[in-house]
């Protein structure tokens, strides 16, 4: 018997109506950096190392470098994850307050 995997259709919460206040920009950048750091830490724990080209068989990845050294397009990826996380927090009615 050949069983098909169910088709996965992502359904993220629509946050298009949320605009981030400018004062959250420092938090956004700190979150983006942390997203990269957590990803890198996980990869390294799995035995991955830096390599100039990605090689899954040898567990080498060119983005295993400090956030500050990433190409801008990679930083944008991490920022987008952070933007959507912050927008979701606000959409759900939470208040982000710096104390």
PDB file of N, CA and C in Angstrom:
ATOM      1  N   UNK A   1       0.845  -1.170   0.000  1.00  0.00           N
ATOM      2  CA  UNK A   1       0.000   0.000   0.000  1.00  0.00           C
ATOM      3  C   UNK A   1       0.895   1.238   0.000  1.00  0.00           C
ATOM      4  N   UNK A   2       0.602   2.187  -0.865  1.00  0.00           N
ATOM      5  CA  UNK A   2       1.375   3.425  -0.978  1.00  0.00           C
ATOM      6  C   UNK A   2       0.606   4.563  -0.319  1.00  0.00           C
ATOM      7  N   UNK A   3       1.110   5.019   0.811  1.00  0.00           N
ATOM      8  CA  UNK A   3       0.417   6.098   1.520  1.00  0.00           C
ATOM      9  C   UNK A   3       1.054   7.433   1.144  1.00  0.00           C
ATOM     10  N   UNK A   4       0.220   8.372   0.780  1.00  0.00           N
ATOM     11  CA  UNK A   4       0.706   9.705   0.463  1.00  0.00           C
ATOM     12  C   UNK A   4       0.781  10.524   1.740  1.00  0.00           C
ATOM     13  N   UNK A   5       1.803  11.357   1.787  1.00  0.00           N
ATOM     14  CA  UNK A   5       1.890  12.287   2.915  1.00  0.00           C
ATOM     15  C   UNK A   5       0.837  13.366   2.725  1.00  0.00           C
ATOM     16  N   UNK A   6       0.196  13.790   3.810  1.00  0.00           N
ATOM     17  CA  UNK A   6      -0.788  14.865   3.657  1.00  0.00           C
ATOM     18  C   UNK A   6      -0.094  16.140   3.199  1.00  0.00           C
ATOM     19  N   UNK A   7      -0.761  16.892   2.353  1.00  0.00           N
ATOM     20  CA  UNK A   7      -0.200  18.147   1.871  1.00  0.00           C
ATOM     21  C   UNK A   7      -0.256  19.179   2.988  1.00  0.00           C
ATOM     22  N   UNK A   8       0.902  19.706   3.307  1.00  0.00           N
ATOM     23  CA  UNK A   8       1.012  20.714   4.361  1.00  0.00           C
ATOM     24  C   UNK A   8       0.793  22.094   3.762  1.00  0.00           C
ATOM     25  N   UNK A   9      -0.154  22.822   4.318  1.00  0.00           N
ATOM     26  CA  UNK A   9      -0.424  24.186   3.879  1.00  0.00           C
ATOM     27  C   UNK A   9      -0.194  25.116   5.069  1.00  0.00           C
ATOM     28  N   UNK A  10       0.935  25.840   5.073  1.00  0.00           N
ATOM     29  CA  UNK A  10       1.209  26.752   6.202  1.00  0.00           C
ATOM     30  C   UNK A  10       0.113  27.809   6.343  1.00  0.00           C
ATOM     31  N   UNK A  11      -0.253  28.090   7.564  1.00  0.00           N
ATOM     32  CA  UNK A  11      -1.282  29.084   7.836  1.00  0.00           C
ATOM     33  C   UNK A  11      -0.844  30.001   8.973  1.00  0.00           C
ATOM     34  N   UNK A  12       0.192  30.833   8.729  1.00  0.00           N
ATOM     35  CA  UNK A  12       0.608  31.749   9.792  1.00  0.00           C
ATOM     36  C   UNK A  12      -0.482  32.779  10.073  1.00  0.00           C
ATOM     37  N   UNK A  13      -0.486  33.271  11.278  1.00  0.00           N
ATOM     38  CA  UNK A  13      -1.427  34.336  11.644  1.00  0.00           C
ATOM     39  C   UNK A  13      -1.084  35.567  10.821  1.00  0.00           C
ATOM     40  N   UNK A  14      -2.111  36.171  10.230  1.00  0.00           N
ATOM     41  CA  UNK A  14      -1.920  37.361   9.396  1.00  0.00           C
ATOM     42  C   UNK A  14      -1.548  38.548  10.279  1.00  0.00           C
ATOM     43  N   UNK A  15      -0.346  39.058  10.074  1.00  0.00           N
ATOM     44  CA  UNK A  15       0.116  40.219  10.854  1.00  0.00           C
ATOM     45  C   UNK A  15       0.288  41.450   9.968  1.00  0.00           C
ATOM     46  N   UNK A  16      -0.301  41.396   8.766  1.00  0.00           N
ATOM     47  CA  UNK A  16      -0.104  42.496   7.812  1.00  0.00           C
ATOM     48  C   UNK A  16      -0.702  43.815   8.298  1.00  0.00           C
ATOM     49  N   UNK A  17      -1.610  43.749   9.269  1.00  0.00           N
ATOM     50  CA  UNK A  17      -2.217  44.972   9.793  1.00  0.00           C
ATOM     51  C   UNK A  17      -1.411  45.584  10.940  1.00  0.00           C
ATOM     52  N   UNK A  18      -0.301  44.972  11.303  1.00  0.00           N
ATOM     53  CA  UNK A  18       0.522  45.454  12.411  1.00  0.00           C
ATOM     54  C   UNK A  18       1.751  46.168  11.867  1.00  0.00           C
ATOM     55  N   UNK A  19       1.980  47.369  12.348  1.00  0.00           N
ATOM     56  CA  UNK A  19       3.184  48.115  11.994  1.00  0.00           C
ATOM     57  C   UNK A  19       4.041  48.246  13.248  1.00  0.00           C
ATOM     58  N   UNK A  20       5.303  47.868  13.107  1.00  0.00           N
ATOM     59  CA  UNK A  20       6.187  47.951  14.273  1.00  0.00           C
ATOM     60  C   UNK A  20       6.588  49.397  14.538  1.00  0.00           C
ATOM     61  N   UNK A  21       6.485  49.813  15.786  1.00  0.00           N
ATOM     62  CA  UNK A  21       6.968  51.151  16.131  1.00  0.00           C
ATOM     63  C   UNK A  21       8.483  51.231  15.933  1.00  0.00           C
ATOM     64  N   UNK A  22       8.953  52.381  15.509  1.00  0.00           N
ATOM     65  CA  UNK A  22      10.383  52.566  15.231  1.00  0.00           C
ATOM     66  C   UNK A  22      11.248  52.301  16.457  1.00  0.00           C
ATOM     67  N   UNK A  23      10.723  52.559  17.640  1.00  0.00           N
ATOM     68  CA  UNK A  23      11.527  52.352  18.849  1.00  0.00           C
ATOM     69  C   UNK A  23      11.835  50.879  19.105  1.00  0.00           C
ATOM     70  N   UNK A  24      11.207  49.969  18.350  1.00  0.00           N
ATOM     71  CA  UNK A  24      11.519  48.550  18.497  1.00  0.00           C
ATOM     72  C   UNK A  24      12.672  48.116  17.604  1.00  0.00           C
ATOM     73  N   UNK A  25      13.209  49.010  16.788  1.00  0.00           N
ATOM     74  CA  UNK A  25      14.308  48.643  15.884  1.00  0.00           C
ATOM     75  C   UNK A  25      15.525  48.049  16.609  1.00  0.00           C
ATOM     76  N   UNK A  26      15.955  48.622  17.740  1.00  0.00           N
ATOM     77  CA  UNK A  26      17.090  47.994  18.444  1.00  0.00           C
ATOM     78  C   UNK A  26      16.757  46.573  18.921  1.00  0.00           C
ATOM     79  N   UNK A  27      15.528  46.364  19.380  1.00  0.00           N
ATOM     80  CA  UNK A  27      15.097  45.031  19.804  1.00  0.00           C
ATOM     81  C   UNK A  27      15.068  44.096  18.604  1.00  0.00           C
ATOM     82  N   UNK A  28      14.567  44.578  17.493  1.00  0.00           N
ATOM     83  CA  UNK A  28      14.508  43.785  16.265  1.00  0.00           C
ATOM     84  C   UNK A  28      15.894  43.301  15.856  1.00  0.00           C
ATOM     85  N   UNK A  29      16.864  44.192  15.869  1.00  0.00           N
ATOM     86  CA  UNK A  29      18.221  43.811  15.462  1.00  0.00           C
ATOM     87  C   UNK A  29      18.848  42.848  16.474  1.00  0.00           C
ATOM     88  N   UNK A  30      18.585  43.064  17.764  1.00  0.00           N
ATOM     89  CA  UNK A  30      19.105  42.144  18.789  1.00  0.00           C
ATOM     90  C   UNK A  30      18.482  40.759  18.622  1.00  0.00           C
ATOM     91  N   UNK A  31      17.193  40.720  18.298  1.00  0.00           N
ATOM     92  CA  UNK A  31      16.529  39.438  18.082  1.00  0.00           C
ATOM     93  C   UNK A  31      17.080  38.737  16.846  1.00  0.00           C
ATOM     94  N   UNK A  32      17.305  39.485  15.772  1.00  0.00           N
ATOM     95  CA  UNK A  32      17.837  38.904  14.539  1.00  0.00           C
ATOM     96  C   UNK A  32      19.210  38.285  14.794  1.00  0.00           C
ATOM     97  N   UNK A  33      20.032  39.005  15.530  1.00  0.00           N
ATOM     98  CA  UNK A  33      21.357  38.470  15.857  1.00  0.00           C
ATOM     99  C   UNK A  33      21.215  37.191  16.686  1.00  0.00           C
ATOM    100  N   UNK A  34      20.298  37.206  17.640  1.00  0.00           N
ATOM    101  CA  UNK A  34      20.116  36.043  18.498  1.00  0.00           C
ATOM    102  C   UNK A  34      19.569  34.843  17.713  1.00  0.00           C
ATOM    103  N   UNK A  35      18.685  35.101  16.754  1.00  0.00           N
ATOM    104  CA  UNK A  35      18.176  34.027  15.894  1.00  0.00           C
ATOM    105  C   UNK A  35      19.356  33.332  15.213  1.00  0.00           C
ATOM    106  N   UNK A  36      20.277  34.136  14.674  1.00  0.00           N
ATOM    107  CA  UNK A  36      21.445  33.563  14.013  1.00  0.00           C
ATOM    108  C   UNK A  36      22.319  32.803  15.009  1.00  0.00           C
ATOM    109  N   UNK A  37      22.526  33.369  16.176  1.00  0.00           N
ATOM    110  CA  UNK A  37      23.377  32.732  17.185  1.00  0.00           C
ATOM    111  C   UNK A  37      22.807  31.384  17.628  1.00  0.00           C
ATOM    112  N   UNK A  38      21.486  31.317  17.817  1.00  0.00           N
ATOM    113  CA  UNK A  38      20.856  30.059  18.223  1.00  0.00           C
ATOM    114  C   UNK A  38      20.984  29.028  17.107  1.00  0.00           C
ATOM    115  N   UNK A  39      20.734  29.466  15.856  1.00  0.00           N
ATOM    116  CA  UNK A  39      20.884  28.565  14.713  1.00  0.00           C
ATOM    117  C   UNK A  39      22.317  28.031  14.637  1.00  0.00           C
ATOM    118  N   UNK A  40      23.299  28.932  14.744  1.00  0.00           N
ATOM    119  CA  UNK A  40      24.708  28.533  14.637  1.00  0.00           C
ATOM    120  C   UNK A  40      25.101  27.591  15.778  1.00  0.00           C
ATOM    121  N   UNK A  41      24.660  27.897  16.973  1.00  0.00           N
ATOM    122  CA  UNK A  41      24.963  27.049  18.120  1.00  0.00           C
ATOM    123  C   UNK A  41      24.399  25.642  17.914  1.00  0.00           C
ATOM    124  N   UNK A  42      23.187  25.561  17.399  1.00  0.00           N
ATOM    125  CA  UNK A  42      22.567  24.267  17.139  1.00  0.00           C
ATOM    126  C   UNK A  42      23.342  23.499  16.078  1.00  0.00           C
ATOM    127  N   UNK A  43      23.707  24.165  14.995  1.00  0.00           N
ATOM    128  CA  UNK A  43      24.473  23.511  13.934  1.00  0.00           C
ATOM    129  C   UNK A  43      25.812  22.991  14.459  1.00  0.00           C
ATOM    130  N   UNK A  44      26.511  23.819  15.202  1.00  0.00           N
ATOM    131  CA  UNK A  44      27.814  23.422  15.732  1.00  0.00           C
ATOM    132  C   UNK A  44      27.662  22.214  16.667  1.00  0.00           C
ATOM    133  N   UNK A  45      26.608  22.230  17.494  1.00  0.00           N
ATOM    134  CA  UNK A  45      26.349  21.096  18.384  1.00  0.00           C
ATOM    135  C   UNK A  45      26.051  19.822  17.598  1.00  0.00           C
ATOM    136  N   UNK A  46      25.538  19.970  16.375  1.00  0.00           N
ATOM    137  CA  UNK A  46      25.256  18.820  15.512  1.00  0.00           C
ATOM    138  C   UNK A  46      26.486  18.378  14.715  1.00  0.00           C
ATOM    139  N   UNK A  47      27.613  19.054  14.942  1.00  0.00           N
ATOM    140  CA  UNK A  47      28.853  18.659  14.294  1.00  0.00           C
ATOM    141  C   UNK A  47      29.198  19.445  13.038  1.00  0.00           C
ATOM    142  N   UNK A  48      28.439  20.486  12.745  1.00  0.00           N
ATOM    143  CA  UNK A  48      28.719  21.315  11.571  1.00  0.00           C
ATOM    144  C   UNK A  48      29.895  22.239  11.853  1.00  0.00           C
ATOM    145  N   UNK A  49      30.619  22.606  10.778  1.00  0.00           N
ATOM    146  CA  UNK A  49      31.735  23.545  10.848  1.00  0.00           C
ATOM    147  C   UNK A  49      31.615  24.532   9.696  1.00  0.00           C
ATOM    148  N   UNK A  50      32.372  25.595   9.822  1.00  0.00           N
ATOM    149  CA  UNK A  50      32.418  26.567   8.724  1.00  0.00           C
ATOM    150  C   UNK A  50      33.047  25.919   7.495  1.00  0.00           C
ATOM    151  N   UNK A  51      32.520  26.256   6.353  1.00  0.00           N
ATOM    152  CA  UNK A  51      33.099  25.865   5.072  1.00  0.00           C
ATOM    153  C   UNK A  51      32.707  26.906   4.047  1.00  0.00           C
ATOM    154  N   UNK A  52      33.563  27.222   3.081  1.00  0.00           N
ATOM    155  CA  UNK A  52      33.270  28.280   2.111  1.00  0.00           C
ATOM    156  C   UNK A  52      32.050  27.974   1.246  1.00  0.00           C
ATOM    157  N   UNK A  53      31.686  26.685   1.124  1.00  0.00           N
ATOM    158  CA  UNK A  53      30.492  26.279   0.388  1.00  0.00           C
ATOM    159  C   UNK A  53      29.726  25.280   1.240  1.00  0.00           C
ATOM    160  N   UNK A  54      28.398  25.324   1.140  1.00  0.00           N
ATOM    161  CA  UNK A  54      27.590  24.375   1.904  1.00  0.00           C
ATOM    162  C   UNK A  54      27.818  22.965   1.361  1.00  0.00           C
ATOM    163  N   UNK A  55      28.026  22.042   2.304  1.00  0.00           N
ATOM    164  CA  UNK A  55      28.196  20.647   1.959  1.00  0.00           C
ATOM    165  C   UNK A  55      27.545  19.833   3.073  1.00  0.00           C
ATOM    166  N   UNK A  56      26.333  19.336   2.803  1.00  0.00           N
ATOM    167  CA  UNK A  56      25.584  18.616   3.830  1.00  0.00           C
ATOM    168  C   UNK A  56      26.279  17.325   4.250  1.00  0.00           C
ATOM    169  N   UNK A  57      26.898  16.629   3.301  1.00  0.00           N
ATOM    170  CA  UNK A  57      27.572  15.368   3.614  1.00  0.00           C
ATOM    171  C   UNK A  57      28.740  15.577   4.575  1.00  0.00           C
ATOM    172  N   UNK A  58      29.469  16.668   4.395  1.00  0.00           N
ATOM    173  CA  UNK A  58      30.617  16.971   5.252  1.00  0.00           C
ATOM    174  C   UNK A  58      30.261  17.913   6.401  1.00  0.00           C
ATOM    175  N   UNK A  59      29.003  18.302   6.486  1.00  0.00           N
ATOM    176  CA  UNK A  59      28.512  19.221   7.516  1.00  0.00           C
ATOM    177  C   UNK A  59      29.335  20.512   7.544  1.00  0.00           C
ATOM    178  N   UNK A  60      29.396  21.154   6.399  1.00  0.00           N
ATOM    179  CA  UNK A  60      30.084  22.447   6.266  1.00  0.00           C
ATOM    180  C   UNK A  60      29.062  23.482   5.813  1.00  0.00           C
ATOM    181  N   UNK A  61      29.149  24.691   6.382  1.00  0.00           N
ATOM    182  CA  UNK A  61      28.187  25.746   6.035  1.00  0.00           C
ATOM    183  C   UNK A  61      28.883  27.105   6.048  1.00  0.00           C
ATOM    184  N   UNK A  62      28.685  27.890   4.978  1.00  0.00           N
ATOM    185  CA  UNK A  62      29.368  29.190   4.889  1.00  0.00           C
ATOM    186  C   UNK A  62      28.797  30.270   5.818  1.00  0.00           C
ATOM    187  N   UNK A  63      27.630  30.026   6.405  1.00  0.00           N
ATOM    188  CA  UNK A  63      27.027  31.031   7.285  1.00  0.00           C
ATOM    189  C   UNK A  63      27.352  30.805   8.766  1.00  0.00           C
ATOM    190  N   UNK A  64      28.242  29.863   9.047  1.00  0.00           N
ATOM    191  CA  UNK A  64      28.683  29.675  10.433  1.00  0.00           C
ATOM    192  C   UNK A  64      29.777  30.695  10.737  1.00  0.00           C
ATOM    193  N   UNK A  65      29.349  31.941  10.750  1.00  0.00           N
ATOM    194  CA  UNK A  65      30.209  33.100  11.010  1.00  0.00           C
ATOM    195  C   UNK A  65      29.429  34.057  11.901  1.00  0.00           C
ATOM    196  N   UNK A  66      30.098  35.015  12.528  1.00  0.00           N
ATOM    197  CA  UNK A  66      29.375  35.980  13.368  1.00  0.00           C
ATOM    198  C   UNK A  66      28.319  36.745  12.557  1.00  0.00           C
ATOM    199  N   UNK A  67      27.224  37.084  13.211  1.00  0.00           N
ATOM    200  CA  UNK A  67      26.125  37.821  12.577  1.00  0.00           C
ATOM    201  C   UNK A  67      26.628  39.055  11.847  1.00  0.00           C
ATOM    202  N   UNK A  68      27.543  39.773  12.472  1.00  0.00           N
ATOM    203  CA  UNK A  68      28.059  41.014  11.885  1.00  0.00           C
ATOM    204  C   UNK A  68      28.755  40.778  10.544  1.00  0.00           C
ATOM    205  N   UNK A  69      29.257  39.580  10.324  1.00  0.00           N
ATOM    206  CA  UNK A  69      29.974  39.254   9.091  1.00  0.00           C
ATOM    207  C   UNK A  69      29.082  38.641   8.014  1.00  0.00           C
ATOM    208  N   UNK A  70      27.810  38.415   8.337  1.00  0.00           N
ATOM    209  CA  UNK A  70      26.897  37.828   7.354  1.00  0.00           C
ATOM    210  C   UNK A  70      26.657  38.785   6.196  1.00  0.00           C
ATOM    211  N   UNK A  71      26.427  38.245   5.000  1.00  0.00           N
ATOM    212  CA  UNK A  71      25.975  39.098   3.899  1.00  0.00           C
ATOM    213  C   UNK A  71      24.611  39.702   4.262  1.00  0.00           C
ATOM    214  N   UNK A  72      24.321  40.859   3.745  1.00  0.00           N
ATOM    215  CA  UNK A  72      23.082  41.554   4.094  1.00  0.00           C
ATOM    216  C   UNK A  72      21.843  40.700   3.836  1.00  0.00           C
ATOM    217  N   UNK A  73      21.823  39.922   2.742  1.00  0.00           N
ATOM    218  CA  UNK A  73      20.632  39.115   2.449  1.00  0.00           C
ATOM    219  C   UNK A  73      20.382  38.052   3.509  1.00  0.00           C
ATOM    220  N   UNK A  74      21.426  37.577   4.158  1.00  0.00           N
ATOM    221  CA  UNK A  74      21.253  36.620   5.257  1.00  0.00           C
ATOM    222  C   UNK A  74      20.729  37.329   6.506  1.00  0.00           C
ATOM    223  N   UNK A  75      21.202  38.531   6.745  1.00  0.00           N
ATOM    224  CA  UNK A  75      20.678  39.308   7.883  1.00  0.00           C
ATOM    225  C   UNK A  75      19.201  39.604   7.686  1.00  0.00           C
ATOM    226  N   UNK A  76      18.803  39.884   6.446  1.00  0.00           N
ATOM    227  CA  UNK A  76      17.392  40.161   6.148  1.00  0.00           C
ATOM    228  C   UNK A  76      16.535  38.951   6.509  1.00  0.00           C
ATOM    229  N   UNK A  77      17.007  37.753   6.213  1.00  0.00           N
ATOM    230  CA  UNK A  77      16.276  36.537   6.562  1.00  0.00           C
ATOM    231  C   UNK A  77      16.046  36.469   8.078  1.00  0.00           C
ATOM    232  N   UNK A  78      17.090  36.714   8.859  1.00  0.00           N
ATOM    233  CA  UNK A  78      16.965  36.682  10.319  1.00  0.00           C
ATOM    234  C   UNK A  78      16.072  37.817  10.815  1.00  0.00           C
ATOM    235  N   UNK A  79      16.183  38.985  10.196  1.00  0.00           N
ATOM    236  CA  UNK A  79      15.329  40.115  10.591  1.00  0.00           C
ATOM    237  C   UNK A  79      13.864  39.814  10.313  1.00  0.00           C
ATOM    238  N   UNK A  80      13.580  39.199   9.173  1.00  0.00           N
ATOM    239  CA  UNK A  80      12.190  38.886   8.837  1.00  0.00           C
ATOM    240  C   UNK A  80      11.569  37.950   9.861  1.00  0.00           C
ATOM    241  N   UNK A  81      12.333  36.975  10.310  1.00  0.00           N
ATOM    242  CA  UNK A  81      11.844  36.083  11.362  1.00  0.00           C
ATOM    243  C   UNK A  81      11.518  36.885  12.618  1.00  0.00           C
ATOM    244  N   UNK A  82      12.381  37.815  12.964  1.00  0.00           N
ATOM    245  CA  UNK A  82      12.187  38.633  14.162  1.00  0.00           C
ATOM    246  C   UNK A  82      11.020  39.595  13.994  1.00  0.00           C
ATOM    247  N   UNK A  83      10.906  40.202  12.817  1.00  0.00           N
ATOM    248  CA  UNK A  83       9.790  41.126  12.548  1.00  0.00           C
ATOM    249  C   UNK A  83       8.464  40.400  12.740  1.00  0.00           C
ATOM    250  N   UNK A  84       8.346  39.227  12.138  1.00  0.00           N
ATOM    251  CA  UNK A  84       7.084  38.494  12.235  1.00  0.00           C
ATOM    252  C   UNK A  84       6.798  38.043  13.665  1.00  0.00           C
ATOM    253  N   UNK A  85       7.823  37.711  14.414  1.00  0.00           N
ATOM    254  CA  UNK A  85       7.636  37.340  15.820  1.00  0.00           C
ATOM    255  C   UNK A  85       7.136  38.531  16.624  1.00  0.00           C
ATOM    256  N   UNK A  86       7.758  39.696  16.438  1.00  0.00           N
ATOM    257  CA  UNK A  86       7.326  40.899  17.158  1.00  0.00           C
ATOM    258  C   UNK A  86       5.909  41.308  16.759  1.00  0.00           C
ATOM    259  N   UNK A  87       5.605  41.241  15.475  1.00  0.00           N
ATOM    260  CA  UNK A  87       4.264  41.597  15.016  1.00  0.00           C
ATOM    261  C   UNK A  87       3.214  40.658  15.596  1.00  0.00           C
ATOM    262  N   UNK A  88       3.541  39.368  15.697  1.00  0.00           N
ATOM    263  CA  UNK A  88       2.609  38.418  16.293  1.00  0.00           C
ATOM    264  C   UNK A  88       2.369  38.742  17.768  1.00  0.00           C
ATOM    265  N   UNK A  89       3.435  39.056  18.484  1.00  0.00           N
ATOM    266  CA  UNK A  89       3.308  39.415  19.901  1.00  0.00           C
ATOM    267  C   UNK A  89       2.340  40.590  20.058  1.00  0.00           C
ATOM    268  N   UNK A  90       2.513  41.614  19.225  1.00  0.00           N
ATOM    269  CA  UNK A  90       1.635  42.788  19.287  1.00  0.00           C
ATOM    270  C   UNK A  90       0.211  42.435  18.850  1.00  0.00           C
ATOM    271  N   UNK A  91       0.072  41.639  17.813  1.00  0.00           N
ATOM    272  CA  UNK A  91      -1.248  41.244  17.310  1.00  0.00           C
ATOM    273  C   UNK A  91      -2.037  40.508  18.381  1.00  0.00           C
ATOM    274  N   UNK A  92      -1.345  39.708  19.186  1.00  0.00           N
ATOM    275  CA  UNK A  92      -2.014  38.936  20.232  1.00  0.00           C
ATOM    276  C   UNK A  92      -2.324  39.768  21.475  1.00  0.00           C
ATOM    277  N   UNK A  93      -2.011  41.072  21.421  1.00  0.00           N
ATOM    278  CA  UNK A  93      -2.395  41.978  22.502  1.00  0.00           C
ATOM    279  C   UNK A  93      -1.352  42.194  23.579  1.00  0.00           C
ATOM    280  N   UNK A  94      -0.165  41.635  23.397  1.00  0.00           N
ATOM    281  CA  UNK A  94       0.890  41.848  24.386  1.00  0.00           C
ATOM    282  C   UNK A  94       1.518  43.218  24.160  1.00  0.00           C
ATOM    283  N   UNK A  95       2.033  43.777  25.232  1.00  0.00           N
ATOM    284  CA  UNK A  95       2.690  45.076  25.175  1.00  0.00           C
ATOM    285  C   UNK A  95       4.177  44.857  25.416  1.00  0.00           C
ATOM    286  N   UNK A  96       4.994  45.427  24.550  1.00  0.00           N
ATOM    287  CA  UNK A  96       6.440  45.348  24.723  1.00  0.00           C
ATOM    288  C   UNK A  96       6.861  46.649  25.390  1.00  0.00           C
ATOM    289  N   UNK A  97       7.383  46.517  26.603  1.00  0.00           N
ATOM    290  CA  UNK A  97       7.718  47.694  27.403  1.00  0.00           C
ATOM    291  C   UNK A  97       9.151  47.579  27.901  1.00  0.00           C
ATOM    292  N   UNK A  98       9.959  48.554  27.552  1.00  0.00           N
ATOM    293  CA  UNK A  98      11.338  48.565  28.038  1.00  0.00           C
ATOM    294  C   UNK A  98      11.351  49.212  29.421  1.00  0.00           C
ATOM    295  N   UNK A  99      11.877  48.493  30.350  1.00  0.00           N
ATOM    296  CA  UNK A  99      11.900  49.021  31.728  1.00  0.00           C
ATOM    297  C   UNK A  99      13.288  49.444  32.091  1.00  0.00           C
TER     298      UNK A  99
END
